């Protein structure tokens, strides 16, 4: 083998190595790009699921608050009605007391 053949073989090997390096770099860039795309898709999916979960939990909390409010209002109405009924019963006693006191004052 002559020197020229050896140099030609080395040059050809370097060109082939550079070609493999270039292909490897392209494959690496493609894999990185695919990974970034997949990451964005996963993040978007998780954000969407988080938003749906947040909406669901907020809705549940509102429903619980509404039920609690209704319960408090109902208890308030019941207490108000009890007070009203008690007051009605006391009206008769109060009228009788006032009448008795008036008669006592008149007869005194």
PDB file of N, CA and C in Angstrom:
ATOM      1  N   UNK A   1       0.824  -1.169   0.000  1.00  0.00           N
ATOM      2  CA  UNK A   1       0.000   0.000   0.000  1.00  0.00           C
ATOM      3  C   UNK A   1       0.878   1.247   0.000  1.00  0.00           C
ATOM      4  N   UNK A   2       0.491   2.097  -0.838  1.00  0.00           N
ATOM      5  CA  UNK A   2       1.280   3.314  -0.942  1.00  0.00           C
ATOM      6  C   UNK A   2       0.773   4.349   0.062  1.00  0.00           C
ATOM      7  N   UNK A   3       1.568   5.326   0.219  1.00  0.00           N
ATOM      8  CA  UNK A   3       1.238   6.407   1.149  1.00  0.00           C
ATOM      9  C   UNK A   3      -0.070   7.090   0.745  1.00  0.00           C
ATOM     10  N   UNK A   4      -0.287   7.310  -0.507  1.00  0.00           N
ATOM     11  CA  UNK A   4      -1.487   7.953  -1.020  1.00  0.00           C
ATOM     12  C   UNK A   4      -2.714   7.109  -0.719  1.00  0.00           C
ATOM     13  N   UNK A   5      -2.572   5.796  -0.849  1.00  0.00           N
ATOM     14  CA  UNK A   5      -3.689   4.913  -0.546  1.00  0.00           C
ATOM     15  C   UNK A   5      -4.031   4.954   0.941  1.00  0.00           C
ATOM     16  N   UNK A   6      -2.983   4.981   1.753  1.00  0.00           N
ATOM     17  CA  UNK A   6      -3.183   5.027   3.204  1.00  0.00           C
ATOM     18  C   UNK A   6      -3.888   6.329   3.587  1.00  0.00           C
ATOM     19  N   UNK A   7      -3.393   7.452   3.056  1.00  0.00           N
ATOM     20  CA  UNK A   7      -4.000   8.756   3.343  1.00  0.00           C
ATOM     21  C   UNK A   7      -5.436   8.801   2.834  1.00  0.00           C
ATOM     22  N   UNK A   8      -5.656   8.217   1.664  1.00  0.00           N
ATOM     23  CA  UNK A   8      -7.008   8.174   1.110  1.00  0.00           C
ATOM     24  C   UNK A   8      -7.920   7.355   2.006  1.00  0.00           C
ATOM     25  N   UNK A   9      -7.418   6.234   2.538  1.00  0.00           N
ATOM     26  CA  UNK A   9      -8.194   5.385   3.447  1.00  0.00           C
ATOM     27  C   UNK A   9      -8.527   6.117   4.742  1.00  0.00           C
ATOM     28  N   UNK A  10      -7.517   6.869   5.255  1.00  0.00           N
ATOM     29  CA  UNK A  10      -7.735   7.635   6.479  1.00  0.00           C
ATOM     30  C   UNK A  10      -8.784   8.710   6.234  1.00  0.00           C
ATOM     31  N   UNK A  11      -8.660   9.401   5.092  1.00  0.00           N
ATOM     32  CA  UNK A  11      -9.605  10.458   4.756  1.00  0.00           C
ATOM     33  C   UNK A  11     -11.007   9.881   4.622  1.00  0.00           C
ATOM     34  N   UNK A  12     -11.107   8.738   3.971  1.00  0.00           N
ATOM     35  CA  UNK A  12     -12.404   8.100   3.793  1.00  0.00           C
ATOM     36  C   UNK A  12     -12.977   7.669   5.148  1.00  0.00           C
ATOM     37  N   UNK A  13     -12.158   7.164   6.044  1.00  0.00           N
ATOM     38  CA  UNK A  13     -12.593   6.759   7.384  1.00  0.00           C
ATOM     39  C   UNK A  13     -13.064   7.978   8.176  1.00  0.00           C
ATOM     40  N   UNK A  14     -12.334   9.094   8.049  1.00  0.00           N
ATOM     41  CA  UNK A  14     -12.736  10.321   8.742  1.00  0.00           C
ATOM     42  C   UNK A  14     -14.072  10.833   8.221  1.00  0.00           C
ATOM     43  N   UNK A  15     -14.245  10.773   6.894  1.00  0.00           N
ATOM     44  CA  UNK A  15     -15.507  11.217   6.308  1.00  0.00           C
ATOM     45  C   UNK A  15     -16.662  10.341   6.787  1.00  0.00           C
ATOM     46  N   UNK A  16     -16.405   9.032   6.843  1.00  0.00           N
ATOM     47  CA  UNK A  16     -17.431   8.111   7.308  1.00  0.00           C
ATOM     48  C   UNK A  16     -17.728   8.347   8.792  1.00  0.00           C
ATOM     49  N   UNK A  17     -16.684   8.601   9.598  1.00  0.00           N
ATOM     50  CA  UNK A  17     -16.875   8.890  11.030  1.00  0.00           C
ATOM     51  C   UNK A  17     -17.656  10.189  11.199  1.00  0.00           C
ATOM     52  N   UNK A  18     -17.318  11.206  10.393  1.00  0.00           N
ATOM     53  CA  UNK A  18     -18.045  12.474  10.456  1.00  0.00           C
ATOM     54  C   UNK A  18     -19.515  12.283  10.076  1.00  0.00           C
ATOM     55  N   UNK A  19     -19.749  11.402   9.088  1.00  0.00           N
ATOM     56  CA  UNK A  19     -21.119  11.119   8.673  1.00  0.00           C
ATOM     57  C   UNK A  19     -21.889  10.472   9.821  1.00  0.00           C
ATOM     58  N   UNK A  20     -21.259   9.526  10.531  1.00  0.00           N
ATOM     59  CA  UNK A  20     -21.921   8.876  11.664  1.00  0.00           C
ATOM     60  C   UNK A  20     -22.144   9.853  12.813  1.00  0.00           C
ATOM     61  N   UNK A  21     -21.168  10.738  13.019  1.00  0.00           N
ATOM     62  CA  UNK A  21     -21.309  11.764  14.062  1.00  0.00           C
ATOM     63  C   UNK A  21     -22.475  12.685  13.717  1.00  0.00           C
ATOM     64  N   UNK A  22     -22.578  13.088  12.448  1.00  0.00           N
ATOM     65  CA  UNK A  22     -23.651  13.959  12.005  1.00  0.00           C
ATOM     66  C   UNK A  22     -25.002  13.246  12.167  1.00  0.00           C
ATOM     67  N   UNK A  23     -25.082  11.988  11.803  1.00  0.00           N
ATOM     68  CA  UNK A  23     -26.316  11.220  11.965  1.00  0.00           C
ATOM     69  C   UNK A  23     -26.677  11.080  13.444  1.00  0.00           C
ATOM     70  N   UNK A  24     -25.672  10.841  14.277  1.00  0.00           N
ATOM     71  CA  UNK A  24     -25.910  10.713  15.720  1.00  0.00           C
ATOM     72  C   UNK A  24     -26.408  12.043  16.289  1.00  0.00           C
ATOM     73  N   UNK A  25     -25.813  13.156  15.843  1.00  0.00           N
ATOM     74  CA  UNK A  25     -26.253  14.473  16.313  1.00  0.00           C
ATOM     75  C   UNK A  25     -27.680  14.778  15.870  1.00  0.00           C
ATOM     76  N   UNK A  26     -28.007  14.399  14.635  1.00  0.00           N
ATOM     77  CA  UNK A  26     -29.372  14.590  14.153  1.00  0.00           C
ATOM     78  C   UNK A  26     -30.361  13.745  14.961  1.00  0.00           C
ATOM     79  N   UNK A  27     -29.974  12.489  15.230  1.00  0.00           N
ATOM     80  CA  UNK A  27     -30.837  11.603  16.022  1.00  0.00           C
ATOM     81  C   UNK A  27     -31.006  12.158  17.437  1.00  0.00           C
ATOM     82  N   UNK A  28     -29.896  12.669  18.006  1.00  0.00           N
ATOM     83  CA  UNK A  28     -29.956  13.250  19.353  1.00  0.00           C
ATOM     84  C   UNK A  28     -30.880  14.457  19.351  1.00  0.00           C
ATOM     85  N   UNK A  29     -30.734  15.337  18.369  1.00  0.00           N
ATOM     86  CA  UNK A  29     -31.581  16.526  18.281  1.00  0.00           C
ATOM     87  C   UNK A  29     -33.050  16.141  18.121  1.00  0.00           C
ATOM     88  N   UNK A  30     -33.291  15.105  17.311  1.00  0.00           N
ATOM     89  CA  UNK A  30     -34.665  14.640  17.111  1.00  0.00           C
ATOM     90  C   UNK A  30     -35.246  14.090  18.413  1.00  0.00           C
ATOM     91  N   UNK A  31     -34.454  13.312  19.138  1.00  0.00           N
ATOM     92  CA  UNK A  31     -34.916  12.738  20.408  1.00  0.00           C
ATOM     93  C   UNK A  31     -35.196  13.844  21.418  1.00  0.00           C
ATOM     94  N   UNK A  32     -34.319  14.858  21.482  1.00  0.00           N
ATOM     95  CA  UNK A  32     -34.521  15.982  22.402  1.00  0.00           C
ATOM     96  C   UNK A  32     -35.794  16.733  22.035  1.00  0.00           C
ATOM     97  N   UNK A  33     -35.994  16.963  20.754  1.00  0.00           N
ATOM     98  CA  UNK A  33     -37.192  17.660  20.294  1.00  0.00           C
ATOM     99  C   UNK A  33     -38.441  16.861  20.640  1.00  0.00           C
ATOM    100  N   UNK A  34     -38.404  15.550  20.415  1.00  0.00           N
ATOM    101  CA  UNK A  34     -39.545  14.699  20.751  1.00  0.00           C
ATOM    102  C   UNK A  34     -39.808  14.705  22.253  1.00  0.00           C
ATOM    103  N   UNK A  35     -38.739  14.668  23.036  1.00  0.00           N
ATOM    104  CA  UNK A  35     -38.887  14.683  24.498  1.00  0.00           C
ATOM    105  C   UNK A  35     -39.502  16.002  24.961  1.00  0.00           C
ATOM    106  N   UNK A  36     -39.064  17.110  24.374  1.00  0.00           N
ATOM    107  CA  UNK A  36     -39.632  18.412  24.746  1.00  0.00           C
ATOM    108  C   UNK A  36     -41.113  18.477  24.378  1.00  0.00           C
ATOM    109  N   UNK A  37     -41.444  17.986  23.194  1.00  0.00           N
ATOM    110  CA  UNK A  37     -42.845  17.968  22.767  1.00  0.00           C
ATOM    111  C   UNK A  37     -43.675  17.108  23.715  1.00  0.00           C
ATOM    112  N   UNK A  38     -43.143  15.948  24.044  1.00  0.00           N
ATOM    113  CA  UNK A  38     -43.852  15.049  24.954  1.00  0.00           C
ATOM    114  C   UNK A  38     -43.994  15.698  26.334  1.00  0.00           C
ATOM    115  N   UNK A  39     -42.962  16.383  26.785  1.00  0.00           N
ATOM    116  CA  UNK A  39     -43.024  17.083  28.078  1.00  0.00           C
ATOM    117  C   UNK A  39     -44.120  18.129  28.061  1.00  0.00           C
ATOM    118  N   UNK A  40     -44.181  18.918  26.986  1.00  0.00           N
ATOM    119  CA  UNK A  40     -45.219  19.944  26.882  1.00  0.00           C
ATOM    120  C   UNK A  40     -46.607  19.310  26.901  1.00  0.00           C
ATOM    121  N   UNK A  41     -46.762  18.196  26.179  1.00  0.00           N
ATOM    122  CA  UNK A  41     -48.054  17.510  26.146  1.00  0.00           C
ATOM    123  C   UNK A  41     -48.443  17.006  27.529  1.00  0.00           C
ATOM    124  N   UNK A  42     -47.471  16.447  28.254  1.00  0.00           N
ATOM    125  CA  UNK A  42     -47.739  15.938  29.601  1.00  0.00           C
ATOM    126  C   UNK A  42     -48.111  17.092  30.526  1.00  0.00           C
ATOM    127  N   UNK A  43     -47.353  18.186  30.437  1.00  0.00           N
ATOM    128  CA  UNK A  43     -47.638  19.358  31.281  1.00  0.00           C
ATOM    129  C   UNK A  43     -49.024  19.901  30.975  1.00  0.00           C
ATOM    130  N   UNK A  44     -49.364  20.019  29.695  1.00  0.00           N
ATOM    131  CA  UNK A  44     -50.694  20.518  29.312  1.00  0.00           C
ATOM    132  C   UNK A  44     -51.795  19.596  29.827  1.00  0.00           C
ATOM    133  N   UNK A  45     -51.557  18.285  29.709  1.00  0.00           N
ATOM    134  CA  UNK A  45     -52.542  17.311  30.176  1.00  0.00           C
ATOM    135  C   UNK A  45     -52.728  17.431  31.688  1.00  0.00           C
ATOM    136  N   UNK A  46     -51.619  17.515  32.412  1.00  0.00           N
ATOM    137  CA  UNK A  46     -51.688  17.616  33.871  1.00  0.00           C
ATOM    138  C   UNK A  46     -52.344  18.931  34.289  1.00  0.00           C
ATOM    139  N   UNK A  47     -52.018  20.015  33.597  1.00  0.00           N
ATOM    140  CA  UNK A  47     -52.655  21.299  33.910  1.00  0.00           C
ATOM    141  C   UNK A  47     -54.159  21.233  33.665  1.00  0.00           C
ATOM    142  N   UNK A  48     -54.549  20.580  32.578  1.00  0.00           N
ATOM    143  CA  UNK A  48     -55.979  20.417  32.296  1.00  0.00           C
ATOM    144  C   UNK A  48     -56.662  19.593  33.370  1.00  0.00           C
ATOM    145  N   UNK A  49     -56.021  18.505  33.780  1.00  0.00           N
ATOM    146  CA  UNK A  49     -56.594  17.658  34.831  1.00  0.00           C
ATOM    147  C   UNK A  49     -56.660  18.428  36.153  1.00  0.00           C
ATOM    148  N   UNK A  50     -55.625  19.209  36.433  1.00  0.00           N
ATOM    149  CA  UNK A  50     -55.618  20.008  37.664  1.00  0.00           C
ATOM    150  C   UNK A  50     -56.748  21.036  37.638  1.00  0.00           C
ATOM    151  N   UNK A  51     -56.956  21.652  36.488  1.00  0.00           N
ATOM    152  CA  UNK A  51     -58.038  22.639  36.367  1.00  0.00           C
ATOM    153  C   UNK A  51     -59.395  21.963  36.588  1.00  0.00           C
ATOM    154  N   UNK A  52     -59.588  20.797  35.983  1.00  0.00           N
ATOM    155  CA  UNK A  52     -60.845  20.067  36.167  1.00  0.00           C
ATOM    156  C   UNK A  52     -61.030  19.663  37.627  1.00  0.00           C
ATOM    157  N   UNK A  53     -59.966  19.215  38.261  1.00  0.00           N
ATOM    158  CA  UNK A  53     -60.030  18.824  39.671  1.00  0.00           C
ATOM    159  C   UNK A  53     -60.376  20.035  40.525  1.00  0.00           C
ATOM    160  N   UNK A  54     -59.744  21.154  40.223  1.00  0.00           N
ATOM    161  CA  UNK A  54     -60.005  22.391  40.965  1.00  0.00           C
ATOM    162  C   UNK A  54     -61.458  22.802  40.822  1.00  0.00           C
ATOM    163  N   UNK A  55     -61.969  22.749  39.613  1.00  0.00           N
ATOM    164  CA  UNK A  55     -63.370  23.101  39.369  1.00  0.00           C
ATOM    165  C   UNK A  55     -64.286  22.145  40.126  1.00  0.00           C
ATOM    166  N   UNK A  56     -63.969  20.862  40.080  1.00  0.00           N
ATOM    167  CA  UNK A  56     -64.779  19.856  40.759  1.00  0.00           C
ATOM    168  C   UNK A  56     -64.785  20.088  42.270  1.00  0.00           C
ATOM    169  N   UNK A  57     -63.604  20.321  42.844  1.00  0.00           N
ATOM    170  CA  UNK A  57     -63.511  20.532  44.286  1.00  0.00           C
ATOM    171  C   UNK A  57     -64.183  21.835  44.700  1.00  0.00           C
ATOM    172  N   UNK A  58     -64.048  22.868  43.875  1.00  0.00           N
ATOM    173  CA  UNK A  58     -64.712  24.143  44.163  1.00  0.00           C
ATOM    174  C   UNK A  58     -66.219  23.954  44.140  1.00  0.00           C
ATOM    175  N   UNK A  59     -66.692  23.200  43.168  1.00  0.00           N
ATOM    176  CA  UNK A  59     -68.130  22.931  43.064  1.00  0.00           C
ATOM    177  C   UNK A  59     -68.611  22.159  44.289  1.00  0.00           C
ATOM    178  N   UNK A  60     -67.843  21.169  44.708  1.00  0.00           N
ATOM    179  CA  UNK A  60     -68.218  20.403  45.905  1.00  0.00           C
ATOM    180  C   UNK A  60     -68.253  21.305  47.139  1.00  0.00           C
ATOM    181  N   UNK A  61     -67.247  22.164  47.255  1.00  0.00           N
ATOM    182  CA  UNK A  61     -67.188  23.073  48.409  1.00  0.00           C
ATOM    183  C   UNK A  61     -68.372  24.034  48.393  1.00  0.00           C
ATOM    184  N   UNK A  62     -68.718  24.549  47.217  1.00  0.00           N
ATOM    185  CA  UNK A  62     -69.871  25.443  47.117  1.00  0.00           C
ATOM    186  C   UNK A  62     -71.152  24.724  47.508  1.00  0.00           C
ATOM    187  N   UNK A  63     -71.286  23.488  47.058  1.00  0.00           N
ATOM    188  CA  UNK A  63     -72.482  22.705  47.377  1.00  0.00           C
ATOM    189  C   UNK A  63     -72.563  22.457  48.885  1.00  0.00           C
ATOM    190  N   UNK A  64     -71.417  22.126  49.492  1.00  0.00           N
ATOM    191  CA  UNK A  64     -71.402  21.914  50.943  1.00  0.00           C
ATOM    192  C   UNK A  64     -71.756  23.207  51.680  1.00  0.00           C
ATOM    193  N   UNK A  65     -71.203  24.321  51.210  1.00  0.00           N
ATOM    194  CA  UNK A  65     -71.495  25.619  51.831  1.00  0.00           C
ATOM    195  C   UNK A  65     -72.975  25.956  51.673  1.00  0.00           C
ATOM    196  N   UNK A  66     -73.538  25.650  50.507  1.00  0.00           N
ATOM    197  CA  UNK A  66     -74.962  25.917  50.267  1.00  0.00           C
ATOM    198  C   UNK A  66     -75.825  25.089  51.219  1.00  0.00           C
ATOM    199  N   UNK A  67     -75.477  23.819  51.374  1.00  0.00           N
ATOM    200  CA  UNK A  67     -76.247  22.962  52.286  1.00  0.00           C
ATOM    201  C   UNK A  67     -76.119  23.456  53.725  1.00  0.00           C
ATOM    202  N   UNK A  68     -74.909  23.847  54.106  1.00  0.00           N
ATOM    203  CA  UNK A  68     -74.703  24.356  55.466  1.00  0.00           C
ATOM    204  C   UNK A  68     -75.487  25.648  55.681  1.00  0.00           C
ATOM    205  N   UNK A  69     -75.484  26.509  54.670  1.00  0.00           N
ATOM    206  CA  UNK A  69     -76.242  27.768  54.747  1.00  0.00           C
ATOM    207  C   UNK A  69     -77.729  27.472  54.900  1.00  0.00           C
ATOM    208  N   UNK A  70     -78.230  26.534  54.079  1.00  0.00           N
ATOM    209  CA  UNK A  70     -79.647  26.172  54.157  1.00  0.00           C
ATOM    210  C   UNK A  70     -79.991  25.615  55.532  1.00  0.00           C
ATOM    211  N   UNK A  71     -79.086  24.829  56.083  1.00  0.00           N
ATOM    212  CA  UNK A  71     -79.299  24.258  57.406  1.00  0.00           C
ATOM    213  C   UNK A  71     -79.350  25.367  58.461  1.00  0.00           C
ATOM    214  N   UNK A  72     -78.424  26.315  58.366  1.00  0.00           N
ATOM    215  CA  UNK A  72     -78.388  27.432  59.316  1.00  0.00           C
ATOM    216  C   UNK A  72     -79.652  28.280  59.185  1.00  0.00           C
ATOM    217  N   UNK A  73     -80.049  28.566  57.935  1.00  0.00           N
ATOM    218  CA  UNK A  73     -81.272  29.362  57.710  1.00  0.00           C
ATOM    219  C   UNK A  73     -82.483  28.625  58.262  1.00  0.00           C
ATOM    220  N   UNK A  74     -82.569  27.337  58.025  1.00  0.00           N
ATOM    221  CA  UNK A  74     -83.701  26.543  58.514  1.00  0.00           C
ATOM    222  C   UNK A  74     -83.741  26.554  60.038  1.00  0.00           C
ATOM    223  N   UNK A  75     -82.564  26.389  60.663  1.00  0.00           N
ATOM    224  CA  UNK A  75     -82.516  26.449  62.131  1.00  0.00           C
ATOM    225  C   UNK A  75     -82.919  27.831  62.629  1.00  0.00           C
ATOM    226  N   UNK A  76     -82.475  28.870  61.924  1.00  0.00           N
ATOM    227  CA  UNK A  76     -82.848  30.234  62.291  1.00  0.00           C
ATOM    228  C   UNK A  76     -84.342  30.459  62.184  1.00  0.00           C
ATOM    229  N   UNK A  77     -84.933  29.947  61.110  1.00  0.00           N
ATOM    230  CA  UNK A  77     -86.388  30.083  60.940  1.00  0.00           C
ATOM    231  C   UNK A  77     -87.125  29.346  62.060  1.00  0.00           C
ATOM    232  N   UNK A  78     -86.625  28.167  62.404  1.00  0.00           N
ATOM    233  CA  UNK A  78     -87.269  27.382  63.463  1.00  0.00           C
ATOM    234  C   UNK A  78     -87.171  28.127  64.791  1.00  0.00           C
ATOM    235  N   UNK A  79     -85.977  28.671  65.089  1.00  0.00           N
ATOM    236  CA  UNK A  79     -85.815  29.427  66.336  1.00  0.00           C
ATOM    237  C   UNK A  79     -86.714  30.659  66.340  1.00  0.00           C
ATOM    238  N   UNK A  80     -86.798  31.350  65.207  1.00  0.00           N
ATOM    239  CA  UNK A  80     -87.660  32.535  65.114  1.00  0.00           C
ATOM    240  C   UNK A  80     -89.119  32.150  65.338  1.00  0.00           C
ATOM    241  N   UNK A  81     -89.537  31.033  64.755  1.00  0.00           N
ATOM    242  CA  UNK A  81     -90.921  30.575  64.936  1.00  0.00           C
ATOM    243  C   UNK A  81     -91.165  30.202  66.387  1.00  0.00           C
ATOM    244  N   UNK A  82     -90.186  29.548  67.040  1.00  0.00           N
ATOM    245  CA  UNK A  82     -90.327  29.195  68.453  1.00  0.00           C
ATOM    246  C   UNK A  82     -90.466  30.451  69.310  1.00  0.00           C
ATOM    247  N   UNK A  83     -89.643  31.460  69.013  1.00  0.00           N
ATOM    248  CA  UNK A  83     -89.711  32.720  69.758  1.00  0.00           C
ATOM    249  C   UNK A  83     -91.057  33.391  69.528  1.00  0.00           C
ATOM    250  N   UNK A  84     -91.525  33.357  68.279  1.00  0.00           N
ATOM    251  CA  UNK A  84     -92.819  33.963  67.933  1.00  0.00           C
ATOM    252  C   UNK A  84     -93.948  33.258  68.686  1.00  0.00           C
ATOM    253  N   UNK A  85     -93.902  31.928  68.705  1.00  0.00           N
ATOM    254  CA  UNK A  85     -94.935  31.165  69.417  1.00  0.00           C
ATOM    255  C   UNK A  85     -94.898  31.460  70.914  1.00  0.00           C
ATOM    256  N   UNK A  86     -93.712  31.522  71.460  1.00  0.00           N
ATOM    257  CA  UNK A  86     -93.570  31.828  72.886  1.00  0.00           C
ATOM    258  C   UNK A  86     -94.094  33.233  73.179  1.00  0.00           C
ATOM    259  N   UNK A  87     -93.782  34.173  72.274  1.00  0.00           N
ATOM    260  CA  UNK A  87     -94.259  35.546  72.452  1.00  0.00           C
ATOM    261  C   UNK A  87     -95.777  35.605  72.392  1.00  0.00           C
ATOM    262  N   UNK A  88     -96.381  34.850  71.506  1.00  0.00           N
ATOM    263  CA  UNK A  88     -97.857  34.829  71.409  1.00  0.00           C
ATOM    264  C   UNK A  88     -98.474  34.305  72.701  1.00  0.00           C
ATOM    265  N   UNK A  89     -97.841  33.280  73.270  1.00  0.00           N
ATOM    266  CA  UNK A  89     -98.338  32.737  74.535  1.00  0.00           C
ATOM    267  C   UNK A  89     -98.199  33.783  75.642  1.00  0.00           C
ATOM    268  N   UNK A  90     -97.137  34.543  75.592  1.00  0.00           N
ATOM    269  CA  UNK A  90     -96.893  35.544  76.633  1.00  0.00           C
ATOM    270  C   UNK A  90     -97.776  36.784  76.475  1.00  0.00           C
ATOM    271  N   UNK A  91     -98.319  37.016  75.291  1.00  0.00           N
ATOM    272  CA  UNK A  91     -99.202  38.179  75.081  1.00  0.00           C
ATOM    273  C   UNK A  91    -100.418  38.078  75.991  1.00  0.00           C
ATOM    274  N   UNK A  92    -100.979  36.906  76.030  1.00  0.00           N
ATOM    275  CA  UNK A  92    -102.163  36.712  76.873  1.00  0.00           C
ATOM    276  C   UNK A  92    -101.812  36.940  78.334  1.00  0.00           C
ATOM    277  N   UNK A  93    -100.678  36.416  78.772  1.00  0.00           N
ATOM    278  CA  UNK A  93    -100.245  36.616  80.156  1.00  0.00           C
ATOM    279  C   UNK A  93     -99.968  38.096  80.420  1.00  0.00           C
ATOM    280  N   UNK A  94     -99.337  38.759  79.458  1.00  0.00           N
ATOM    281  CA  UNK A  94     -99.013  40.174  79.617  1.00  0.00           C
ATOM    282  C   UNK A  94    -100.278  41.014  79.702  1.00  0.00           C
ATOM    283  N   UNK A  95    -101.247  40.721  78.836  1.00  0.00           N
ATOM    284  CA  UNK A  95    -102.525  41.449  78.876  1.00  0.00           C
ATOM    285  C   UNK A  95    -103.219  41.250  80.227  1.00  0.00           C
ATOM    286  N   UNK A  96    -103.211  40.024  80.701  1.00  0.00           N
ATOM    287  CA  UNK A  96    -103.826  39.722  81.992  1.00  0.00           C
ATOM    288  C   UNK A  96    -103.095  40.460  83.114  1.00  0.00           C
ATOM    289  N   UNK A  97    -101.768  40.488  83.037  1.00  0.00           N
ATOM    290  CA  UNK A  97    -100.973  41.177  84.061  1.00  0.00           C
ATOM    291  C   UNK A  97    -101.263  42.675  84.038  1.00  0.00           C
ATOM    292  N   UNK A  98    -101.292  43.269  82.846  1.00  0.00           N
ATOM    293  CA  UNK A  98    -101.554  44.709  82.722  1.00  0.00           C
ATOM    294  C   UNK A  98    -102.956  45.030  83.232  1.00  0.00           C
ATOM    295  N   UNK A  99    -103.916  44.202  82.850  1.00  0.00           N
ATOM    296  CA  UNK A  99    -105.295  44.409  83.298  1.00  0.00           C
ATOM    297  C   UNK A  99    -105.391  44.306  84.819  1.00  0.00           C
ATOM    298  N   UNK A 100    -104.735  43.311  85.384  1.00  0.00           N
ATOM    299  CA  UNK A 100    -104.738  43.123  86.838  1.00  0.00           C
ATOM    300  C   UNK A 100    -104.096  44.319  87.524  1.00  0.00           C
ATOM    301  N   UNK A 101    -102.970  44.750  87.018  1.00  0.00           N
ATOM    302  CA  UNK A 101    -102.280  45.891  87.611  1.00  0.00           C
ATOM    303  C   UNK A 101    -103.129  47.161  87.478  1.00  0.00           C
ATOM    304  N   UNK A 102    -103.770  47.323  86.358  1.00  0.00           N
ATOM    305  CA  UNK A 102    -104.640  48.496  86.146  1.00  0.00           C
ATOM    306  C   UNK A 102    -105.799  48.481  87.151  1.00  0.00           C
ATOM    307  N   UNK A 103    -106.447  47.324  87.258  1.00  0.00           N
ATOM    308  CA  UNK A 103    -107.547  47.191  88.211  1.00  0.00           C
ATOM    309  C   UNK A 103    -107.067  47.443  89.639  1.00  0.00           C
ATOM    310  N   UNK A 104    -105.907  46.948  89.965  1.00  0.00           N
ATOM    311  CA  UNK A 104    -105.350  47.158  91.300  1.00  0.00           C
ATOM    312  C   UNK A 104    -105.104  48.647  91.529  1.00  0.00           C
ATOM    313  N   UNK A 105    -104.586  49.325  90.459  1.00  0.00           N
ATOM    314  CA  UNK A 105    -104.309  50.753  90.602  1.00  0.00           C
ATOM    315  C   UNK A 105    -105.606  51.541  90.733  1.00  0.00           C
ATOM    316  N   UNK A 106    -106.641  51.148  89.984  1.00  0.00           N
ATOM    317  CA  UNK A 106    -107.912  51.833  90.021  1.00  0.00           C
ATOM    318  C   UNK A 106    -108.592  51.606  91.367  1.00  0.00           C
ATOM    319  N   UNK A 107    -108.546  50.419  91.870  1.00  0.00           N
ATOM    320  CA  UNK A 107    -109.212  50.066  93.118  1.00  0.00           C
ATOM    321  C   UNK A 107    -108.412  50.531  94.344  1.00  0.00           C
ATOM    322  N   UNK A 108    -107.240  50.931  94.158  1.00  0.00           N
ATOM    323  CA  UNK A 108    -106.442  51.304  95.310  1.00  0.00           C
ATOM    324  C   UNK A 108    -106.757  52.629  95.898  1.00  0.00           C
TER     325      UNK A 108
END
